[in-house]
Amino acid sequence: MSGAGNDFIVIDKIRNKNITLNSSQISKICDRRKGIGADGLILLANSKDSDFLMHYYNADGLEGTLCGNGARCAIKFANDSKMLKSGKAVFEARSEIYTGEILKDNLVRFDLLPPKRVKTNFKIKASSQLLKSSFADTGSPHVVIEIEDVLAHPKDINSKYRNIENFPVTAIGKEIRYHKDFAPEGTNVNFIQIKNGTIYIRTYERGVENETLACGTGAVAAAITANLNKNLSAPIKLVTQSGEILTVDFQKIGNKFEKVSLVGPAKTVFTGEIDLKEI
């Protein structure tokens, strides 16, 4: 499945009751040359208290934190599999209960919990300079950096990046992902450019250890920190590297964010089967 270009292998454990996958198998399945290929893998299982239970694994085979686009794909999958009533979902992920809904035009809304550990205007040493940064834990940890605050040549103050398409996402993202300030778990890193109230965003994702074409929780972190730093009002539109649009909405009460939601496209790209004995 594809959620705005963020792609996932989704397996229905309800219909494949005896399936068990270890981290090595998951990483092999997610390998784009030797397996099916994906940013991550989602297992949907039975839940006593909700429509389904979602387990998310990064492409490295390890269980990941909350995945916003993955959750939207899971909602779409559950609806297509007749698990939902009236297109509305109540599901469990990482011991928390979440909700979402199928909208028109292949759009899916995912409702997140309020963000934690939001911090703005601090400095990170990376790329041989101190980078003005913000941070928000939106179910996954995210650093957010405006590209205009980064110098291509640290000793030249006129060498600021002007175009997000030319920004070295992987090089700088990888450096910050493993930065000591976020050890031992590390962090995801988002680079943004704001044009006419719209956020253009590129993301380096831990667990994938590369840039992805979209990141849902990263989009939410970028929208929330842009509201705090630039006073952008919700709903906020974000253009991902895939060219697909994600929309983040929220209600701000004081400095707290409530009723946070992520809307974007989700679709099944293809269905098939794989012989686990072969991996």
C-alpha atoms as a PDB file:
ATOM      1  CA  MET A   1       0.000   0.000   0.000  1.00  0.00           C
ATOM      2  CA  SER A   2       1.026   3.606  -0.546  1.00  0.00           C
ATOM      3  CA  GLY A   3       0.255   6.451   1.834  1.00  0.00           C
ATOM      4  CA  ALA A   4       1.279   9.580  -0.067  1.00  0.00           C
ATOM      5  CA  GLY A   5       4.318   7.695  -1.386  1.00  0.00           C
ATOM      6  CA  ASN A   6       5.230   6.188   1.996  1.00  0.00           C
ATOM      7  CA  ASP A   7       4.859   2.494   1.119  1.00  0.00           C
ATOM      8  CA  PHE A   8       4.050  -0.523   3.264  1.00  0.00           C
ATOM      9  CA  ILE A   9       3.516  -4.248   3.057  1.00  0.00           C
ATOM     10  CA  VAL A  10       0.257  -4.971   4.894  1.00  0.00           C
ATOM     11  CA  ILE A  11      -0.469  -8.504   6.094  1.00  0.00           C
ATOM     12  CA  ASP A  12      -3.798  -9.633   7.526  1.00  0.00           C
ATOM     13  CA  LYS A  13      -2.900 -11.819  10.494  1.00  0.00           C
ATOM     14  CA  ILE A  14      -6.585 -12.506  11.064  1.00  0.00           C
ATOM     15  CA  ARG A  15      -6.722 -14.525   7.838  1.00  0.00           C
ATOM     16  CA  ASN A  16      -3.122 -15.773   8.168  1.00  0.00           C
ATOM     17  CA  LYS A  17      -3.468 -16.935  11.765  1.00  0.00           C
ATOM     18  CA  ASN A  18      -0.238 -18.910  12.072  1.00  0.00           C
ATOM     19  CA  ILE A  19       2.089 -16.336  10.554  1.00  0.00           C
ATOM     20  CA  THR A  20       5.151 -15.414  12.592  1.00  0.00           C
ATOM     21  CA  LEU A  21       7.865 -13.094  11.325  1.00  0.00           C
ATOM     22  CA  ASN A  22      11.246 -12.345  12.870  1.00  0.00           C
ATOM     23  CA  SER A  23      13.221  -9.177  12.280  1.00  0.00           C
ATOM     24  CA  SER A  24      15.481 -10.822   9.694  1.00  0.00           C
ATOM     25  CA  GLN A  25      12.494 -11.971   7.631  1.00  0.00           C
ATOM     26  CA  ILE A  26      10.836  -8.565   7.826  1.00  0.00           C
ATOM     27  CA  SER A  27      13.987  -6.752   6.664  1.00  0.00           C
ATOM     28  CA  LYS A  28      14.324  -9.212   3.763  1.00  0.00           C
ATOM     29  CA  ILE A  29      10.689  -8.754   2.736  1.00  0.00           C
ATOM     30  CA  CYS A  30      11.155  -4.966   2.817  1.00  0.00           C
ATOM     31  CA  ASP A  31      14.340  -5.131   0.726  1.00  0.00           C
ATOM     32  CA  ARG A  32      13.589  -3.392  -2.585  1.00  0.00           C
ATOM     33  CA  ARG A  33      15.925  -5.636  -4.594  1.00  0.00           C
ATOM     34  CA  LYS A  34      15.652  -9.033  -2.921  1.00  0.00           C
ATOM     35  CA  GLY A  35      12.142  -8.865  -1.447  1.00  0.00           C
ATOM     36  CA  ILE A  36       8.857  -7.094  -2.117  1.00  0.00           C
ATOM     37  CA  GLY A  37      10.231  -3.721  -1.080  1.00  0.00           C
ATOM     38  CA  ALA A  38       8.738  -1.194   1.342  1.00  0.00           C
ATOM     39  CA  ASP A  39       9.455   1.469   3.959  1.00  0.00           C
ATOM     40  CA  GLY A  40       7.876  -0.806   6.543  1.00  0.00           C
ATOM     41  CA  LEU A  41       5.607  -3.755   7.273  1.00  0.00           C
ATOM     42  CA  ILE A  42       2.212  -3.717   8.998  1.00  0.00           C
ATOM     43  CA  LEU A  43       0.503  -6.682  10.625  1.00  0.00           C
ATOM     44  CA  LEU A  44      -3.216  -6.369  11.343  1.00  0.00           C
ATOM     45  CA  ALA A  45      -4.449  -8.665  14.114  1.00  0.00           C
ATOM     46  CA  ASN A  46      -7.573  -9.196  16.209  1.00  0.00           C
ATOM     47  CA  SER A  47      -8.203  -6.839  19.118  1.00  0.00           C
ATOM     48  CA  LYS A  48     -10.550  -7.412  22.042  1.00  0.00           C
ATOM     49  CA  ASP A  49     -11.416  -3.757  22.489  1.00  0.00           C
ATOM     50  CA  SER A  50     -11.316  -2.306  18.948  1.00  0.00           C
ATOM     51  CA  ASP A  51     -11.678  -3.045  15.244  1.00  0.00           C
ATOM     52  CA  PHE A  52      -8.114  -4.291  14.868  1.00  0.00           C
ATOM     53  CA  LEU A  53      -4.621  -4.263  16.351  1.00  0.00           C
ATOM     54  CA  MET A  54      -1.835  -2.700  14.268  1.00  0.00           C
ATOM     55  CA  HIS A  55       1.785  -3.811  14.603  1.00  0.00           C
ATOM     56  CA  TYR A  56       4.267  -1.679  12.664  1.00  0.00           C
ATOM     57  CA  TYR A  57       7.834  -2.671  11.758  1.00  0.00           C
ATOM     58  CA  ASN A  58      10.450  -0.499  10.081  1.00  0.00           C
ATOM     59  CA  ALA A  59      12.333  -1.698   7.018  1.00  0.00           C
ATOM     60  CA  ASP A  60      15.221  -2.718   9.289  1.00  0.00           C
ATOM     61  CA  GLY A  61      12.928  -5.387  10.782  1.00  0.00           C
ATOM     62  CA  LEU A  62      12.565  -3.776  14.190  1.00  0.00           C
ATOM     63  CA  GLU A  63       9.242  -2.735  15.692  1.00  0.00           C
ATOM     64  CA  GLY A  64       8.756   0.956  15.102  1.00  0.00           C
ATOM     65  CA  THR A  65       7.023   3.771  16.918  1.00  0.00           C
ATOM     66  CA  LEU A  66       3.799   5.291  15.604  1.00  0.00           C
ATOM     67  CA  CYS A  67       3.563   5.547  11.818  1.00  0.00           C
ATOM     68  CA  GLY A  68       0.992   8.080  10.609  1.00  0.00           C
ATOM     69  CA  ASN A  69       0.852   7.100   6.947  1.00  0.00           C
ATOM     70  CA  GLY A  70       1.005   3.450   7.945  1.00  0.00           C
ATOM     71  CA  ALA A  71      -2.003   3.975  10.208  1.00  0.00           C
ATOM     72  CA  ARG A  72      -3.908   5.573   7.335  1.00  0.00           C
ATOM     73  CA  CYS A  73      -3.084   2.586   5.110  1.00  0.00           C
ATOM     74  CA  ALA A  74      -4.175   0.207   7.869  1.00  0.00           C
ATOM     75  CA  ILE A  75      -7.523   2.008   8.111  1.00  0.00           C
ATOM     76  CA  LYS A  76      -7.951   1.744   4.339  1.00  0.00           C
ATOM     77  CA  PHE A  77      -7.015  -1.951   4.382  1.00  0.00           C
ATOM     78  CA  ALA A  78      -9.404  -2.667   7.258  1.00  0.00           C
ATOM     79  CA  ASN A  79     -12.243  -0.926   5.442  1.00  0.00           C
ATOM     80  CA  ASP A  80     -11.571  -2.804   2.189  1.00  0.00           C
ATOM     81  CA  SER A  81     -11.479  -6.049   4.208  1.00  0.00           C
ATOM     82  CA  LYS A  82     -14.912  -5.335   5.747  1.00  0.00           C
ATOM     83  CA  MET A  83     -13.521  -4.925   9.266  1.00  0.00           C
ATOM     84  CA  LEU A  84     -15.108  -1.493   9.668  1.00  0.00           C
ATOM     85  CA  LYS A  85     -18.646  -0.204   9.892  1.00  0.00           C
ATOM     86  CA  SER A  86     -19.466   2.977   7.977  1.00  0.00           C
ATOM     87  CA  GLY A  87     -15.791   3.582   7.211  1.00  0.00           C
ATOM     88  CA  LYS A  88     -14.929   4.595  10.781  1.00  0.00           C
ATOM     89  CA  ALA A  89     -12.079   2.904  12.649  1.00  0.00           C
ATOM     90  CA  VAL A  90     -11.179   2.449  16.291  1.00  0.00           C
ATOM     91  CA  PHE A  91      -7.930   0.527  16.550  1.00  0.00           C
ATOM     92  CA  GLU A  92      -5.044  -0.261  18.842  1.00  0.00           C
ATOM     93  CA  ALA A  93      -1.370   0.508  18.216  1.00  0.00           C
ATOM     94  CA  ARG A  94       1.465   0.458  20.740  1.00  0.00           C
ATOM     95  CA  SER A  95      -0.996   0.021  23.649  1.00  0.00           C
ATOM     96  CA  GLU A  96      -2.913   3.167  22.693  1.00  0.00           C
ATOM     97  CA  ILE A  97      -6.356   3.526  21.126  1.00  0.00           C
ATOM     98  CA  TYR A  98      -6.653   5.599  17.943  1.00  0.00           C
ATOM     99  CA  THR A  99      -9.439   6.535  15.559  1.00  0.00           C
ATOM    100  CA  GLY A 100      -9.733   7.357  11.889  1.00  0.00           C
ATOM    101  CA  GLU A 101     -12.135   7.493   8.986  1.00  0.00           C
ATOM    102  CA  ILE A 102     -12.415   6.858   5.264  1.00  0.00           C
ATOM    103  CA  LEU A 103     -13.121  10.122   3.414  1.00  0.00           C
ATOM    104  CA  LYS A 104     -13.918  10.870  -0.214  1.00  0.00           C
ATOM    105  CA  ASP A 105     -11.482  10.626  -3.141  1.00  0.00           C
ATOM    106  CA  ASN A 106      -9.225   7.929  -1.601  1.00  0.00           C
ATOM    107  CA  LEU A 107      -8.434  10.191   1.344  1.00  0.00           C
ATOM    108  CA  VAL A 108      -8.081   8.751   4.843  1.00  0.00           C
ATOM    109  CA  ARG A 109      -8.033  10.653   8.136  1.00  0.00           C
ATOM    110  CA  PHE A 110      -5.990   9.451  11.114  1.00  0.00           C
ATOM    111  CA  ASP A 111      -6.548  11.026  14.534  1.00  0.00           C
ATOM    112  CA  LEU A 112      -3.396  11.321  16.629  1.00  0.00           C
ATOM    113  CA  LEU A 113      -2.875  11.844  20.336  1.00  0.00           C
ATOM    114  CA  PRO A 114      -1.624  15.269  21.471  1.00  0.00           C
ATOM    115  CA  PRO A 115       2.113  15.749  20.805  1.00  0.00           C
ATOM    116  CA  LYS A 116       4.635  15.357  23.599  1.00  0.00           C
ATOM    117  CA  ARG A 117       7.967  17.026  24.312  1.00  0.00           C
ATOM    118  CA  VAL A 118       7.529  19.961  21.945  1.00  0.00           C
ATOM    119  CA  LYS A 119      10.536  22.280  21.865  1.00  0.00           C
ATOM    120  CA  THR A 120      11.413  25.165  19.555  1.00  0.00           C
ATOM    121  CA  ASN A 121      14.427  27.320  18.753  1.00  0.00           C
ATOM    122  CA  PHE A 122      17.319  25.249  20.013  1.00  0.00           C
ATOM    123  CA  LYS A 123      20.634  24.537  18.290  1.00  0.00           C
ATOM    124  CA  ILE A 124      22.046  21.258  16.982  1.00  0.00           C
ATOM    125  CA  LYS A 125      25.647  20.989  15.881  1.00  0.00           C
ATOM    126  CA  ALA A 126      25.674  19.321  12.467  1.00  0.00           C
ATOM    127  CA  SER A 127      27.092  19.935   9.006  1.00  0.00           C
ATOM    128  CA  SER A 128      29.955  21.890  10.661  1.00  0.00           C
ATOM    129  CA  GLN A 129      27.573  24.537  12.021  1.00  0.00           C
ATOM    130  CA  LEU A 130      24.908  25.183  14.647  1.00  0.00           C
ATOM    131  CA  LEU A 131      21.485  24.580  13.151  1.00  0.00           C
ATOM    132  CA  LYS A 132      18.382  26.277  14.471  1.00  0.00           C
ATOM    133  CA  SER A 133      15.957  23.430  15.171  1.00  0.00           C
ATOM    134  CA  SER A 134      12.616  22.431  16.650  1.00  0.00           C
ATOM    135  CA  PHE A 135      11.391  19.104  17.994  1.00  0.00           C
ATOM    136  CA  ALA A 136       8.078  17.352  18.557  1.00  0.00           C
ATOM    137  CA  ASP A 137       7.194  13.817  19.584  1.00  0.00           C
ATOM    138  CA  THR A 138       4.013  13.084  17.625  1.00  0.00           C
ATOM    139  CA  GLY A 139       4.067   9.379  18.428  1.00  0.00           C
ATOM    140  CA  SER A 140       7.544   9.265  16.915  1.00  0.00           C
ATOM    141  CA  PRO A 141      10.378  11.728  17.646  1.00  0.00           C
ATOM    142  CA  HIS A 142      10.987  14.390  14.992  1.00  0.00           C
ATOM    143  CA  VAL A 143      13.498  17.188  14.549  1.00  0.00           C
ATOM    144  CA  VAL A 144      12.292  19.948  12.203  1.00  0.00           C
ATOM    145  CA  ILE A 145      14.709  22.329  10.446  1.00  0.00           C
ATOM    146  CA  GLU A 146      13.960  25.111   7.958  1.00  0.00           C
ATOM    147  CA  ILE A 147      16.359  24.831   5.034  1.00  0.00           C
ATOM    148  CA  GLU A 148      16.960  28.606   4.995  1.00  0.00           C
ATOM    149  CA  ASP A 149      18.667  28.194   8.384  1.00  0.00           C
ATOM    150  CA  VAL A 150      21.312  25.870   6.895  1.00  0.00           C
ATOM    151  CA  LEU A 151      24.467  27.066   5.127  1.00  0.00           C
ATOM    152  CA  ALA A 152      25.796  25.074   2.186  1.00  0.00           C
ATOM    153  CA  HIS A 153      29.245  26.378   3.108  1.00  0.00           C
ATOM    154  CA  PRO A 154      29.504  26.995   6.875  1.00  0.00           C
ATOM    155  CA  LYS A 155      31.929  29.902   6.513  1.00  0.00           C
ATOM    156  CA  ASP A 156      29.810  31.705   3.925  1.00  0.00           C
ATOM    157  CA  ILE A 157      26.700  33.348   5.411  1.00  0.00           C
ATOM    158  CA  ASN A 158      25.358  33.957   1.913  1.00  0.00           C
ATOM    159  CA  SER A 159      25.279  30.270   1.027  1.00  0.00           C
ATOM    160  CA  LYS A 160      21.843  29.523   2.456  1.00  0.00           C
ATOM    161  CA  TYR A 161      19.736  26.902   0.715  1.00  0.00           C
ATOM    162  CA  ARG A 162      16.897  28.416  -1.322  1.00  0.00           C
ATOM    163  CA  ASN A 163      15.338  25.322  -2.882  1.00  0.00           C
ATOM    164  CA  ILE A 164      14.333  22.219  -0.924  1.00  0.00           C
ATOM    165  CA  GLU A 165      14.829  20.044  -4.007  1.00  0.00           C
ATOM    166  CA  ASN A 166      18.574  20.735  -3.863  1.00  0.00           C
ATOM    167  CA  PHE A 167      18.880  20.125  -0.131  1.00  0.00           C
ATOM    168  CA  PRO A 168      21.225  17.273   1.034  1.00  0.00           C
ATOM    169  CA  VAL A 169      18.552  15.481   3.070  1.00  0.00           C
ATOM    170  CA  THR A 170      20.350  12.160   3.447  1.00  0.00           C
ATOM    171  CA  ALA A 171      23.758  13.530   4.418  1.00  0.00           C
ATOM    172  CA  ILE A 172      22.563  15.989   7.069  1.00  0.00           C
ATOM    173  CA  GLY A 173      19.605  13.850   8.111  1.00  0.00           C
ATOM    174  CA  LYS A 174      21.808  10.860   8.839  1.00  0.00           C
ATOM    175  CA  GLU A 175      24.167  12.988  10.922  1.00  0.00           C
ATOM    176  CA  ILE A 176      21.354  14.362  13.095  1.00  0.00           C
ATOM    177  CA  ARG A 177      19.522  11.014  13.290  1.00  0.00           C
ATOM    178  CA  TYR A 178      22.496   9.597  15.242  1.00  0.00           C
ATOM    179  CA  HIS A 179      23.254  12.820  17.144  1.00  0.00           C
ATOM    180  CA  LYS A 180      24.264  12.315  20.772  1.00  0.00           C
ATOM    181  CA  ASP A 181      21.462  14.608  21.937  1.00  0.00           C
ATOM    182  CA  PHE A 182      18.931  11.965  20.815  1.00  0.00           C
ATOM    183  CA  ALA A 183      20.804   8.839  21.872  1.00  0.00           C
ATOM    184  CA  PRO A 184      20.233   5.980  22.188  1.00  0.00           C
ATOM    185  CA  GLU A 185      16.998   5.721  20.173  1.00  0.00           C
ATOM    186  CA  GLY A 186      17.820   8.468  17.691  1.00  0.00           C
ATOM    187  CA  THR A 187      15.352  10.697  15.878  1.00  0.00           C
ATOM    188  CA  ASN A 188      13.689  11.309  12.536  1.00  0.00           C
ATOM    189  CA  VAL A 189      14.719  14.508  10.762  1.00  0.00           C
ATOM    190  CA  ASN A 190      12.472  16.776   8.675  1.00  0.00           C
ATOM    191  CA  PHE A 191      13.626  19.612   6.453  1.00  0.00           C
ATOM    192  CA  ILE A 192      11.007  22.158   5.451  1.00  0.00           C
ATOM    193  CA  GLN A 193      10.492  25.215   3.290  1.00  0.00           C
ATOM    194  CA  ILE A 194       7.414  27.386   3.771  1.00  0.00           C
ATOM    195  CA  LYS A 195       5.941  29.085   0.699  1.00  0.00           C
ATOM    196  CA  ASN A 196       2.691  31.080   0.842  1.00  0.00           C
ATOM    197  CA  GLY A 197       1.475  29.212   3.916  1.00  0.00           C
ATOM    198  CA  THR A 198       2.227  25.758   2.457  1.00  0.00           C
ATOM    199  CA  ILE A 199       4.989  23.560   3.878  1.00  0.00           C
ATOM    200  CA  TYR A 200       7.254  21.661   1.496  1.00  0.00           C
ATOM    201  CA  ILE A 201       8.804  18.800   3.430  1.00  0.00           C
ATOM    202  CA  ARG A 202      11.456  16.121   3.034  1.00  0.00           C
ATOM    203  CA  THR A 203      12.174  13.526   5.706  1.00  0.00           C
ATOM    204  CA  TYR A 204      15.031  11.250   6.736  1.00  0.00           C
ATOM    205  CA  GLU A 205      13.486   8.318   8.614  1.00  0.00           C
ATOM    206  CA  ARG A 206      15.225   6.213  11.204  1.00  0.00           C
ATOM    207  CA  GLY A 207      14.589   2.504  10.747  1.00  0.00           C
ATOM    208  CA  VAL A 208      14.503   3.065   6.997  1.00  0.00           C
ATOM    209  CA  GLU A 209      17.843   4.890   7.297  1.00  0.00           C
ATOM    210  CA  ASN A 210      17.133   6.931   4.222  1.00  0.00           C
ATOM    211  CA  GLU A 211      14.824   9.593   2.861  1.00  0.00           C
ATOM    212  CA  THR A 212      11.228   8.478   2.362  1.00  0.00           C
ATOM    213  CA  LEU A 213       8.762  10.034  -0.060  1.00  0.00           C
ATOM    214  CA  ALA A 214       6.482  11.045   2.822  1.00  0.00           C
ATOM    215  CA  CYS A 215       6.232  10.764   6.594  1.00  0.00           C
ATOM    216  CA  GLY A 216       2.934  11.237   8.421  1.00  0.00           C
ATOM    217  CA  THR A 217       4.127  11.868  11.963  1.00  0.00           C
ATOM    218  CA  GLY A 218       6.867  14.068  10.505  1.00  0.00           C
ATOM    219  CA  ALA A 219       4.260  16.131   8.675  1.00  0.00           C
ATOM    220  CA  VAL A 220       2.381  16.602  11.944  1.00  0.00           C
ATOM    221  CA  ALA A 221       5.575  17.634  13.756  1.00  0.00           C
ATOM    222  CA  ALA A 222       6.392  20.112  10.984  1.00  0.00           C
ATOM    223  CA  ALA A 223       2.898  21.623  11.066  1.00  0.00           C
ATOM    224  CA  ILE A 224       2.881  22.000  14.837  1.00  0.00           C
ATOM    225  CA  THR A 225       6.331  23.589  15.038  1.00  0.00           C
ATOM    226  CA  ALA A 226       5.498  25.868  12.070  1.00  0.00           C
ATOM    227  CA  ASN A 227       2.443  27.026  13.991  1.00  0.00           C
ATOM    228  CA  LEU A 228       4.626  27.870  16.974  1.00  0.00           C
ATOM    229  CA  ASN A 229       7.475  29.415  14.984  1.00  0.00           C
ATOM    230  CA  LYS A 230       5.664  31.056  12.075  1.00  0.00           C
ATOM    231  CA  ASN A 231       2.086  31.274  13.352  1.00  0.00           C
ATOM    232  CA  LEU A 232       0.727  29.103  10.518  1.00  0.00           C
ATOM    233  CA  SER A 233      -2.947  28.401  11.148  1.00  0.00           C
ATOM    234  CA  ALA A 234      -4.575  24.994  10.890  1.00  0.00           C
ATOM    235  CA  PRO A 235      -5.431  23.246   8.681  1.00  0.00           C
ATOM    236  CA  ILE A 236      -1.927  23.235   7.239  1.00  0.00           C
ATOM    237  CA  LYS A 237      -1.122  21.767   3.828  1.00  0.00           C
ATOM    238  CA  LEU A 238       2.167  19.963   3.281  1.00  0.00           C
ATOM    239  CA  VAL A 239       3.673  18.921  -0.051  1.00  0.00           C
ATOM    240  CA  THR A 240       5.693  15.722   0.314  1.00  0.00           C
ATOM    241  CA  GLN A 241       8.620  14.575  -1.784  1.00  0.00           C
ATOM    242  CA  SER A 242       6.244  12.301  -3.728  1.00  0.00           C
ATOM    243  CA  GLY A 243       4.244  15.376  -4.730  1.00  0.00           C
ATOM    244  CA  GLU A 244       1.235  14.104  -2.765  1.00  0.00           C
ATOM    245  CA  ILE A 245      -0.523  16.416  -0.315  1.00  0.00           C
ATOM    246  CA  LEU A 246      -0.913  15.791   3.411  1.00  0.00           C
ATOM    247  CA  THR A 247      -3.135  18.026   5.537  1.00  0.00           C
ATOM    248  CA  VAL A 248      -2.659  18.473   9.281  1.00  0.00           C
ATOM    249  CA  ASP A 249      -5.420  19.894  11.432  1.00  0.00           C
ATOM    250  CA  PHE A 250      -5.552  20.632  15.154  1.00  0.00           C
ATOM    251  CA  GLN A 251      -7.073  22.807  17.818  1.00  0.00           C
ATOM    252  CA  LYS A 252      -4.651  24.922  19.829  1.00  0.00           C
ATOM    253  CA  ILE A 253      -5.612  25.713  23.389  1.00  0.00           C
ATOM    254  CA  GLY A 254      -2.938  27.888  24.952  1.00  0.00           C
ATOM    255  CA  ASN A 255       0.279  26.094  24.044  1.00  0.00           C
ATOM    256  CA  LYS A 256      -1.403  22.686  23.899  1.00  0.00           C
ATOM    257  CA  PHE A 257      -2.553  20.945  20.744  1.00  0.00           C
ATOM    258  CA  GLU A 258      -5.752  18.888  20.752  1.00  0.00           C
ATOM    259  CA  LYS A 259      -7.790  17.008  18.131  1.00  0.00           C
ATOM    260  CA  VAL A 260      -4.733  16.491  15.943  1.00  0.00           C
ATOM    261  CA  SER A 261      -5.458  14.801  12.617  1.00  0.00           C
ATOM    262  CA  LEU A 262      -3.618  13.781   9.462  1.00  0.00           C
ATOM    263  CA  VAL A 263      -5.430  13.508   6.108  1.00  0.00           C
ATOM    264  CA  GLY A 264      -3.964  12.196   2.877  1.00  0.00           C
ATOM    265  CA  PRO A 265      -4.251   9.609   0.121  1.00  0.00           C
ATOM    266  CA  ALA A 266      -3.970   5.878   0.795  1.00  0.00           C
ATOM    267  CA  LYS A 267      -4.320   3.156  -1.792  1.00  0.00           C
ATOM    268  CA  THR A 268      -3.543  -0.467  -2.505  1.00  0.00           C
ATOM    269  CA  VAL A 269      -0.861  -0.704  -5.186  1.00  0.00           C
ATOM    270  CA  PHE A 270      -0.987  -4.480  -5.633  1.00  0.00           C
ATOM    271  CA  THR A 271      -1.866  -7.679  -3.790  1.00  0.00           C
ATOM    272  CA  GLY A 272      -0.061 -11.003  -3.846  1.00  0.00           C
ATOM    273  CA  GLU A 273       1.603 -13.684  -1.803  1.00  0.00           C
ATOM    274  CA  ILE A 274       5.118 -14.582  -0.710  1.00  0.00           C
ATOM    275  CA  ASP A 275       6.589 -17.917   0.368  1.00  0.00           C
ATOM    276  CA  LEU A 276       8.190 -17.306   3.751  1.00  0.00           C
ATOM    277  CA  LYS A 277      10.302 -20.442   3.345  1.00  0.00           C
ATOM    278  CA  GLU A 278      12.180 -18.658   0.590  1.00  0.00           C
ATOM    279  CA  ILE A 279      13.364 -15.948   2.977  1.00  0.00           C
END
